[in-house]
């Protein structure tokens, strides 16, 4: 049963990372949920998505910048 929960969590994380990547303006609640579910080994993938989104815009969201900054120490 525990393995099934881990698989479900991982699938949800993958889905949400894809949604954040695809959505030009991902919702704060969606990103908050994703961040709650992230395991340390998943942080770099999420951070890469945020970095890509930030690099693609002239005026990046301060909220997104703050989220990225908060992840900086999470993958150590």
N, C-alpha and C. Protein backbone atom coordinates (compact mmCIF):
# COMPACT_ATOMS: atom_id res chain seq x y z
N UNK A 1 0.82 -1.20 0.00
CA UNK A 1 0.00 0.00 0.00
C UNK A 1 0.86 1.26 0.00
N UNK A 2 1.96 1.23 0.79
CA UNK A 2 2.82 2.41 0.87
C UNK A 2 3.46 2.72 -0.48
N UNK A 3 3.88 1.69 -1.22
CA UNK A 3 4.47 1.90 -2.54
C UNK A 3 3.47 2.57 -3.48
N UNK A 4 2.21 2.17 -3.37
CA UNK A 4 1.18 2.77 -4.21
C UNK A 4 1.04 4.26 -3.90
N UNK A 5 1.12 4.64 -2.63
CA UNK A 5 1.04 6.05 -2.25
C UNK A 5 2.23 6.83 -2.79
N UNK A 6 3.41 6.22 -2.75
CA UNK A 6 4.61 6.86 -3.28
C UNK A 6 4.47 7.06 -4.78
N UNK A 7 3.98 6.04 -5.47
CA UNK A 7 3.79 6.14 -6.92
C UNK A 7 2.77 7.22 -7.26
N UNK A 8 1.70 7.29 -6.50
CA UNK A 8 0.68 8.30 -6.74
C UNK A 8 1.24 9.69 -6.50
N UNK A 9 1.99 9.85 -5.43
CA UNK A 9 2.60 11.15 -5.13
C UNK A 9 3.55 11.55 -6.26
N UNK A 10 4.36 10.62 -6.70
CA UNK A 10 5.32 10.91 -7.77
C UNK A 10 4.59 11.28 -9.07
N UNK A 11 3.51 10.61 -9.35
CA UNK A 11 2.74 10.92 -10.56
C UNK A 11 2.10 12.30 -10.45
N UNK A 12 1.61 12.63 -9.27
CA UNK A 12 1.03 13.97 -9.06
C UNK A 12 2.11 15.03 -9.23
N UNK A 13 3.28 14.79 -8.67
CA UNK A 13 4.39 15.74 -8.81
C UNK A 13 4.74 15.93 -10.28
N UNK A 14 4.85 14.84 -11.01
CA UNK A 14 5.17 14.94 -12.44
C UNK A 14 4.10 15.74 -13.19
N UNK A 15 2.86 15.46 -12.88
CA UNK A 15 1.75 16.17 -13.51
C UNK A 15 1.81 17.66 -13.21
N UNK A 16 2.03 17.99 -11.95
CA UNK A 16 2.07 19.40 -11.57
C UNK A 16 3.29 20.12 -12.15
N UNK A 17 4.42 19.45 -12.20
CA UNK A 17 5.60 20.07 -12.82
C UNK A 17 5.30 20.37 -14.30
N UNK A 18 4.66 19.43 -14.97
CA UNK A 18 4.28 19.66 -16.37
C UNK A 18 3.31 20.83 -16.49
N UNK A 19 2.34 20.90 -15.60
CA UNK A 19 1.36 21.99 -15.63
C UNK A 19 2.04 23.34 -15.40
N UNK A 20 2.94 23.40 -14.43
CA UNK A 20 3.66 24.65 -14.16
C UNK A 20 4.48 25.04 -15.39
N UNK A 21 5.10 24.07 -16.02
CA UNK A 21 5.91 24.35 -17.21
C UNK A 21 5.06 24.86 -18.37
N UNK A 22 3.89 24.30 -18.54
CA UNK A 22 3.04 24.64 -19.68
C UNK A 22 2.25 25.94 -19.49
N UNK A 23 1.87 26.23 -18.28
CA UNK A 23 1.01 27.38 -18.00
C UNK A 23 1.85 28.66 -17.95
N UNK A 24 1.50 29.67 -18.74
CA UNK A 24 2.28 30.91 -18.68
C UNK A 24 2.23 31.58 -17.31
N UNK A 25 1.12 31.39 -16.60
CA UNK A 25 0.96 31.98 -15.27
C UNK A 25 0.40 30.93 -14.33
N UNK A 26 1.24 29.99 -13.89
CA UNK A 26 0.74 28.93 -13.01
C UNK A 26 0.21 29.52 -11.70
N UNK A 27 -0.81 28.88 -11.19
CA UNK A 27 -1.45 29.41 -9.98
C UNK A 27 -0.56 29.19 -8.75
N UNK A 28 -0.68 30.11 -7.84
CA UNK A 28 0.07 30.01 -6.59
C UNK A 28 -0.35 28.77 -5.80
N UNK A 29 -1.66 28.48 -5.69
CA UNK A 29 -2.04 27.26 -4.96
C UNK A 29 -1.48 25.99 -5.60
N UNK A 30 -1.43 25.94 -6.93
CA UNK A 30 -0.89 24.76 -7.60
C UNK A 30 0.60 24.61 -7.28
N UNK A 31 1.34 25.72 -7.34
CA UNK A 31 2.77 25.64 -7.03
C UNK A 31 3.00 25.32 -5.56
N UNK A 32 2.16 25.84 -4.68
CA UNK A 32 2.29 25.54 -3.25
C UNK A 32 2.06 24.05 -2.99
N UNK A 33 1.04 23.49 -3.64
CA UNK A 33 0.78 22.06 -3.48
C UNK A 33 1.96 21.24 -4.00
N UNK A 34 2.46 21.61 -5.15
CA UNK A 34 3.61 20.92 -5.71
C UNK A 34 4.80 20.97 -4.75
N UNK A 35 5.06 22.13 -4.20
CA UNK A 35 6.19 22.28 -3.30
C UNK A 35 6.02 21.46 -2.02
N UNK A 36 4.79 21.29 -1.58
CA UNK A 36 4.54 20.44 -0.41
C UNK A 36 4.84 18.97 -0.71
N UNK A 37 4.59 18.56 -1.94
CA UNK A 37 4.75 17.16 -2.33
C UNK A 37 6.17 16.80 -2.76
N UNK A 38 6.98 17.80 -3.08
CA UNK A 38 8.32 17.53 -3.61
C UNK A 38 9.20 16.78 -2.62
N UNK A 39 9.90 15.80 -3.14
CA UNK A 39 10.98 15.14 -2.40
C UNK A 39 12.28 15.84 -2.80
N UNK A 40 13.30 15.76 -1.97
CA UNK A 40 14.55 16.46 -2.28
C UNK A 40 15.12 16.16 -3.67
N UNK A 41 14.98 14.93 -4.13
CA UNK A 41 15.54 14.59 -5.44
C UNK A 41 14.71 15.16 -6.60
N UNK A 42 13.53 15.69 -6.32
CA UNK A 42 12.68 16.27 -7.35
C UNK A 42 12.84 17.79 -7.45
N UNK A 43 13.48 18.38 -6.47
CA UNK A 43 13.64 19.83 -6.44
C UNK A 43 14.39 20.36 -7.66
N UNK A 44 15.49 19.74 -8.09
CA UNK A 44 16.19 20.28 -9.26
C UNK A 44 15.32 20.37 -10.52
N UNK A 45 14.46 19.40 -10.74
CA UNK A 45 13.58 19.44 -11.92
C UNK A 45 12.60 20.60 -11.83
N UNK A 46 12.04 20.80 -10.66
CA UNK A 46 11.10 21.90 -10.46
C UNK A 46 11.83 23.24 -10.57
N UNK A 47 13.00 23.33 -9.97
CA UNK A 47 13.79 24.56 -10.05
C UNK A 47 14.14 24.88 -11.51
N UNK A 48 14.44 23.86 -12.28
CA UNK A 48 14.76 24.07 -13.70
C UNK A 48 13.56 24.64 -14.45
N UNK A 49 12.37 24.16 -14.13
CA UNK A 49 11.16 24.69 -14.76
C UNK A 49 10.98 26.17 -14.40
N UNK A 50 11.16 26.48 -13.11
CA UNK A 50 11.02 27.88 -12.70
C UNK A 50 12.08 28.76 -13.36
N UNK A 51 13.31 28.27 -13.42
CA UNK A 51 14.37 29.05 -14.06
C UNK A 51 14.06 29.30 -15.54
N UNK A 52 13.53 28.29 -16.20
CA UNK A 52 13.17 28.45 -17.61
C UNK A 52 12.08 29.51 -17.77
N UNK A 53 11.07 29.44 -16.92
CA UNK A 53 9.97 30.40 -17.00
C UNK A 53 10.48 31.82 -16.72
N UNK A 54 11.35 31.95 -15.74
CA UNK A 54 11.90 33.26 -15.39
C UNK A 54 12.75 33.80 -16.53
N UNK A 55 13.52 32.93 -17.15
CA UNK A 55 14.41 33.39 -18.23
C UNK A 55 13.64 33.79 -19.48
N UNK A 56 12.42 33.30 -19.63
CA UNK A 56 11.63 33.58 -20.82
C UNK A 56 10.82 34.86 -20.74
N UNK A 57 10.85 35.53 -19.61
CA UNK A 57 10.03 36.73 -19.46
C UNK A 57 10.90 37.94 -19.12
N UNK A 58 10.48 39.08 -19.61
CA UNK A 58 11.21 40.31 -19.34
C UNK A 58 11.05 40.74 -17.89
N UNK A 59 9.85 40.59 -17.38
CA UNK A 59 9.55 41.00 -16.00
C UNK A 59 9.02 39.80 -15.22
N UNK A 60 9.93 38.98 -14.71
CA UNK A 60 9.48 37.78 -13.99
C UNK A 60 8.73 38.13 -12.71
N UNK A 61 7.84 37.26 -12.36
CA UNK A 61 7.05 37.40 -11.15
C UNK A 61 7.97 37.38 -9.92
N UNK A 62 7.76 38.32 -9.04
CA UNK A 62 8.53 38.35 -7.80
C UNK A 62 8.24 37.09 -6.98
N UNK A 63 7.00 36.65 -7.03
CA UNK A 63 6.62 35.43 -6.33
C UNK A 63 7.41 34.23 -6.86
N UNK A 64 7.54 34.15 -8.17
CA UNK A 64 8.27 33.03 -8.75
C UNK A 64 9.76 33.12 -8.41
N UNK A 65 10.29 34.32 -8.43
CA UNK A 65 11.69 34.51 -8.03
C UNK A 65 11.91 34.07 -6.58
N UNK A 66 10.97 34.44 -5.72
CA UNK A 66 11.07 34.06 -4.31
C UNK A 66 10.97 32.54 -4.14
N UNK A 67 10.10 31.92 -4.91
CA UNK A 67 9.97 30.46 -4.84
C UNK A 67 11.27 29.79 -5.26
N UNK A 68 11.85 30.29 -6.33
CA UNK A 68 13.12 29.73 -6.80
C UNK A 68 14.21 29.92 -5.75
N UNK A 69 14.26 31.10 -5.18
CA UNK A 69 15.27 31.36 -4.15
C UNK A 69 15.09 30.44 -2.95
N UNK A 70 13.84 30.16 -2.59
CA UNK A 70 13.60 29.28 -1.43
C UNK A 70 14.01 27.84 -1.72
N UNK A 71 14.03 27.48 -3.00
CA UNK A 71 14.45 26.13 -3.37
C UNK A 71 15.97 25.98 -3.41
N UNK A 72 16.67 27.09 -3.43
CA UNK A 72 18.13 27.05 -3.63
C UNK A 72 18.84 26.16 -2.61
N UNK A 73 18.39 26.17 -1.39
CA UNK A 73 19.03 25.34 -0.38
C UNK A 73 18.38 23.98 -0.20
N UNK A 74 17.24 23.77 -0.86
CA UNK A 74 16.49 22.53 -0.65
C UNK A 74 17.09 21.33 -1.35
N UNK A 75 17.93 21.55 -2.35
CA UNK A 75 18.47 20.41 -3.10
C UNK A 75 19.88 20.03 -2.66
N UNK A 76 20.32 20.56 -1.55
CA UNK A 76 21.66 20.23 -1.06
C UNK A 76 21.66 18.95 -0.28
